[in-house]
Amino acid sequence: MKVLRDEFYFEPRVAVGGRIHWYGETYYADELMNYQEETVYIRDSGAQLFVYIMDSDDFHREGNAKAEFLLICRIRKINNNWRYGRKNE
């Protein structure tokens, strides 16, 4: 599946205890315990958070990077009226 760069948020780190802070809410998943203190990549569908790790990052040609992501878990959102901090339309 191809995902547009604008559909990812690149900053969250998994806190000690397997928690992610996302737009004022805190989410937990057992699968995140293996990634404490690491940066993860999130896609927000409005109803769920899809949490990925980068599986590989490869430069084939100058200026042409290819990265692959591995889905580690899905978390049902507390409030599904918002997507990336903006009201769902």
N, C-alpha and C. Protein backbone atom coordinates (compact mmCIF):
# COMPACT_ATOMS: atom_id res chain seq x y z
N MET A 1 0.85 -1.18 0.00
CA MET A 1 0.00 0.00 0.00
C MET A 1 0.89 1.24 0.00
N LYS A 2 0.57 2.20 -0.82
CA LYS A 2 1.29 3.46 -0.83
C LYS A 2 0.56 4.44 0.06
N VAL A 3 1.32 5.16 0.88
CA VAL A 3 0.76 6.16 1.78
C VAL A 3 1.45 7.47 1.50
N LEU A 4 0.69 8.53 1.36
CA LEU A 4 1.27 9.85 1.12
C LEU A 4 1.99 10.33 2.36
N ARG A 5 3.07 11.08 2.16
CA ARG A 5 3.84 11.60 3.28
C ARG A 5 2.95 12.41 4.23
N ASP A 6 1.98 13.14 3.72
CA ASP A 6 1.11 13.95 4.57
C ASP A 6 0.23 13.10 5.48
N GLU A 7 0.15 11.80 5.22
CA GLU A 7 -0.66 10.93 6.05
C GLU A 7 0.12 10.37 7.24
N PHE A 8 1.39 10.69 7.36
CA PHE A 8 2.19 10.24 8.49
C PHE A 8 2.55 11.41 9.39
N TYR A 9 2.67 11.14 10.66
CA TYR A 9 3.18 12.11 11.62
C TYR A 9 4.43 11.48 12.19
N PHE A 10 5.57 12.16 12.09
CA PHE A 10 6.86 11.52 12.31
C PHE A 10 7.49 11.75 13.69
N GLU A 11 6.80 12.32 14.64
CA GLU A 11 7.45 12.67 15.87
C GLU A 11 7.21 11.80 17.10
N PRO A 12 6.10 11.10 17.20
CA PRO A 12 5.83 10.47 18.50
C PRO A 12 6.89 9.45 18.90
N ARG A 13 7.23 9.49 20.17
CA ARG A 13 8.09 8.47 20.75
C ARG A 13 7.25 7.66 21.70
N VAL A 14 7.51 6.38 21.74
CA VAL A 14 6.81 5.52 22.68
C VAL A 14 7.40 5.77 24.06
N ALA A 15 6.55 6.19 24.99
CA ALA A 15 6.99 6.48 26.35
C ALA A 15 7.19 5.16 27.11
N VAL A 16 7.94 5.27 28.20
CA VAL A 16 8.10 4.12 29.08
C VAL A 16 6.71 3.65 29.50
N GLY A 17 6.48 2.36 29.43
CA GLY A 17 5.17 1.82 29.73
C GLY A 17 4.34 1.56 28.49
N GLY A 18 4.91 1.81 27.28
CA GLY A 18 4.21 1.50 26.03
C GLY A 18 3.10 2.46 25.67
N ARG A 19 3.29 3.74 26.01
CA ARG A 19 2.26 4.74 25.74
C ARG A 19 2.70 5.73 24.67
N ILE A 20 1.72 6.20 23.90
CA ILE A 20 1.94 7.24 22.90
C ILE A 20 1.02 8.40 23.24
N HIS A 21 1.58 9.60 23.19
CA HIS A 21 0.78 10.82 23.37
C HIS A 21 0.44 11.34 21.99
N TRP A 22 -0.86 11.52 21.72
CA TRP A 22 -1.33 11.90 20.39
C TRP A 22 -2.42 12.95 20.52
N TYR A 23 -2.09 14.20 20.18
CA TYR A 23 -3.04 15.31 20.19
C TYR A 23 -3.85 15.37 21.48
N GLY A 24 -3.14 15.38 22.61
CA GLY A 24 -3.76 15.57 23.91
C GLY A 24 -4.35 14.31 24.53
N GLU A 25 -4.25 13.18 23.86
CA GLU A 25 -4.76 11.92 24.39
C GLU A 25 -3.60 10.95 24.52
N THR A 26 -3.74 9.98 25.42
CA THR A 26 -2.71 8.97 25.63
C THR A 26 -3.27 7.61 25.25
N TYR A 27 -2.48 6.88 24.46
CA TYR A 27 -2.88 5.57 23.98
C TYR A 27 -1.85 4.53 24.41
N TYR A 28 -2.34 3.30 24.63
CA TYR A 28 -1.48 2.21 25.07
C TYR A 28 -1.77 0.96 24.24
N ALA A 29 -0.72 0.19 23.97
CA ALA A 29 -0.87 -1.13 23.35
C ALA A 29 0.28 -2.00 23.83
N ASP A 30 0.00 -3.26 24.12
CA ASP A 30 1.04 -4.19 24.58
C ASP A 30 2.20 -4.26 23.59
N GLU A 31 1.87 -4.21 22.29
CA GLU A 31 2.91 -4.32 21.25
C GLU A 31 3.93 -3.18 21.34
N LEU A 32 3.54 -2.05 21.90
CA LEU A 32 4.45 -0.90 21.98
C LEU A 32 5.52 -1.06 23.06
N MET A 33 5.34 -2.03 23.95
CA MET A 33 6.33 -2.23 25.02
C MET A 33 7.72 -2.53 24.45
N ASN A 34 7.79 -3.16 23.28
CA ASN A 34 9.08 -3.48 22.66
C ASN A 34 9.75 -2.27 22.00
N TYR A 35 9.06 -1.13 21.96
CA TYR A 35 9.57 0.04 21.24
C TYR A 35 9.67 1.27 22.15
N GLN A 36 9.78 1.05 23.45
CA GLN A 36 9.86 2.17 24.39
C GLN A 36 11.06 3.06 24.05
N GLU A 37 10.83 4.36 24.10
CA GLU A 37 11.84 5.39 23.81
C GLU A 37 12.26 5.43 22.35
N GLU A 38 11.52 4.78 21.47
CA GLU A 38 11.81 4.83 20.03
C GLU A 38 10.76 5.67 19.31
N THR A 39 11.16 6.24 18.18
CA THR A 39 10.23 6.98 17.34
C THR A 39 9.43 5.98 16.52
N VAL A 40 8.14 6.20 16.45
CA VAL A 40 7.26 5.38 15.62
C VAL A 40 6.58 6.30 14.61
N TYR A 41 5.92 5.71 13.66
CA TYR A 41 5.27 6.45 12.58
C TYR A 41 3.79 6.13 12.65
N ILE A 42 2.97 7.16 12.62
CA ILE A 42 1.54 6.97 12.84
C ILE A 42 0.74 7.46 11.65
N ARG A 43 -0.26 6.66 11.29
CA ARG A 43 -1.28 7.07 10.32
C ARG A 43 -2.59 7.11 11.08
N ASP A 44 -3.27 8.23 11.01
CA ASP A 44 -4.50 8.47 11.77
C ASP A 44 -5.68 8.42 10.82
N SER A 45 -6.52 7.38 10.95
CA SER A 45 -7.68 7.24 10.06
C SER A 45 -8.90 7.99 10.59
N GLY A 46 -8.80 8.53 11.78
CA GLY A 46 -9.94 9.16 12.43
C GLY A 46 -10.53 8.22 13.47
N ALA A 47 -10.65 6.94 13.14
CA ALA A 47 -11.19 5.95 14.07
C ALA A 47 -10.09 5.14 14.75
N GLN A 48 -8.94 5.00 14.06
CA GLN A 48 -7.85 4.21 14.58
C GLN A 48 -6.51 4.89 14.33
N LEU A 49 -5.54 4.53 15.14
CA LEU A 49 -4.15 4.89 14.89
C LEU A 49 -3.45 3.64 14.39
N PHE A 50 -2.79 3.74 13.25
CA PHE A 50 -1.98 2.67 12.72
C PHE A 50 -0.54 3.02 13.08
N VAL A 51 0.12 2.17 13.85
CA VAL A 51 1.46 2.48 14.36
C VAL A 51 2.47 1.60 13.62
N TYR A 52 3.47 2.24 13.03
CA TYR A 52 4.48 1.56 12.22
C TYR A 52 5.88 1.82 12.78
N ILE A 53 6.80 0.92 12.44
CA ILE A 53 8.22 1.19 12.60
C ILE A 53 8.82 1.18 11.20
N MET A 54 9.96 1.83 11.04
CA MET A 54 10.63 1.80 9.74
C MET A 54 11.38 0.48 9.64
N ASP A 55 11.07 -0.29 8.62
CA ASP A 55 11.68 -1.60 8.44
C ASP A 55 12.98 -1.50 7.66
N SER A 56 13.01 -0.63 6.66
CA SER A 56 14.23 -0.42 5.89
C SER A 56 14.21 0.97 5.27
N ASP A 57 15.39 1.51 5.05
CA ASP A 57 15.56 2.83 4.45
C ASP A 57 16.75 2.71 3.51
N ASP A 58 16.49 2.83 2.21
CA ASP A 58 17.51 2.54 1.22
C ASP A 58 17.55 3.63 0.17
N PHE A 59 18.77 4.10 -0.17
CA PHE A 59 18.95 5.05 -1.26
C PHE A 59 19.43 4.28 -2.48
N HIS A 60 18.59 4.27 -3.54
CA HIS A 60 19.00 3.59 -4.77
C HIS A 60 19.74 4.52 -5.72
N ARG A 61 19.29 5.74 -5.78
CA ARG A 61 19.93 6.74 -6.63
C ARG A 61 19.97 8.04 -5.84
N GLU A 62 20.85 8.91 -6.22
CA GLU A 62 20.94 10.22 -5.58
C GLU A 62 19.58 10.90 -5.58
N GLY A 63 19.10 11.26 -4.41
CA GLY A 63 17.84 11.97 -4.28
C GLY A 63 16.60 11.10 -4.37
N ASN A 64 16.77 9.78 -4.41
CA ASN A 64 15.62 8.89 -4.54
C ASN A 64 15.68 7.84 -3.44
N ALA A 65 15.06 8.13 -2.32
CA ALA A 65 15.06 7.22 -1.19
C ALA A 65 13.82 6.34 -1.20
N LYS A 66 13.99 5.13 -0.74
CA LYS A 66 12.86 4.22 -0.61
C LYS A 66 12.86 3.70 0.83
N ALA A 67 11.73 3.85 1.50
CA ALA A 67 11.60 3.37 2.86
C ALA A 67 10.42 2.42 2.94
N GLU A 68 10.57 1.40 3.76
CA GLU A 68 9.48 0.46 3.98
C GLU A 68 9.13 0.47 5.46
N PHE A 69 7.83 0.40 5.74
CA PHE A 69 7.34 0.46 7.11
C PHE A 69 6.62 -0.84 7.44
N LEU A 70 6.72 -1.23 8.70
CA LEU A 70 6.08 -2.45 9.19
C LEU A 70 5.03 -2.06 10.22
N LEU A 71 3.80 -2.48 10.00
CA LEU A 71 2.71 -2.20 10.93
C LEU A 71 2.92 -3.04 12.18
N ILE A 72 2.98 -2.37 13.35
CA ILE A 72 3.15 -3.12 14.59
C ILE A 72 1.86 -3.23 15.40
N CYS A 73 0.95 -2.28 15.23
CA CYS A 73 -0.34 -2.40 15.92
C CYS A 73 -1.33 -1.36 15.40
N ARG A 74 -2.59 -1.61 15.73
CA ARG A 74 -3.67 -0.66 15.49
C ARG A 74 -4.31 -0.38 16.83
N ILE A 75 -4.62 0.89 17.07
CA ILE A 75 -5.22 1.29 18.34
C ILE A 75 -6.51 2.06 18.04
N ARG A 76 -7.60 1.62 18.63
CA ARG A 76 -8.88 2.34 18.47
C ARG A 76 -8.76 3.66 19.21
N LYS A 77 -9.18 4.74 18.55
CA LYS A 77 -9.06 6.07 19.14
C LYS A 77 -10.16 6.34 20.16
N ILE A 78 -9.83 7.18 21.13
CA ILE A 78 -10.78 7.58 22.15
C ILE A 78 -11.86 8.46 21.54
N ASN A 79 -11.44 9.42 20.74
CA ASN A 79 -12.36 10.37 20.12
C ASN A 79 -12.16 10.28 18.61
N ASN A 80 -13.14 9.74 17.89
CA ASN A 80 -12.96 9.58 16.45
C ASN A 80 -13.51 10.75 15.64
N ASN A 81 -13.77 11.87 16.29
CA ASN A 81 -14.22 13.07 15.57
C ASN A 81 -13.05 13.90 15.05
N TRP A 82 -11.84 13.49 15.37
CA TRP A 82 -10.65 14.25 14.99
C TRP A 82 -9.67 13.35 14.26
N ARG A 83 -8.98 13.94 13.28
CA ARG A 83 -7.94 13.24 12.52
C ARG A 83 -6.76 14.18 12.42
N TYR A 84 -5.63 13.78 12.91
CA TYR A 84 -4.43 14.62 12.95
C TYR A 84 -4.73 15.98 13.61
N GLY A 85 -5.51 15.98 14.67
CA GLY A 85 -5.79 17.21 15.39
C GLY A 85 -6.81 18.12 14.72
N ARG A 86 -7.37 17.69 13.59
CA ARG A 86 -8.37 18.49 12.87
C ARG A 86 -9.69 17.75 12.88
N LYS A 87 -10.76 18.50 12.87
CA LYS A 87 -12.11 17.94 12.86
C LYS A 87 -12.33 17.10 11.61
N ASN A 88 -12.86 15.88 11.78
CA ASN A 88 -13.19 15.04 10.62
C ASN A 88 -14.29 15.68 9.80
N GLU A 89 -14.17 15.60 8.51
CA GLU A 89 -15.20 16.18 7.63
C GLU A 89 -15.91 15.10 6.86
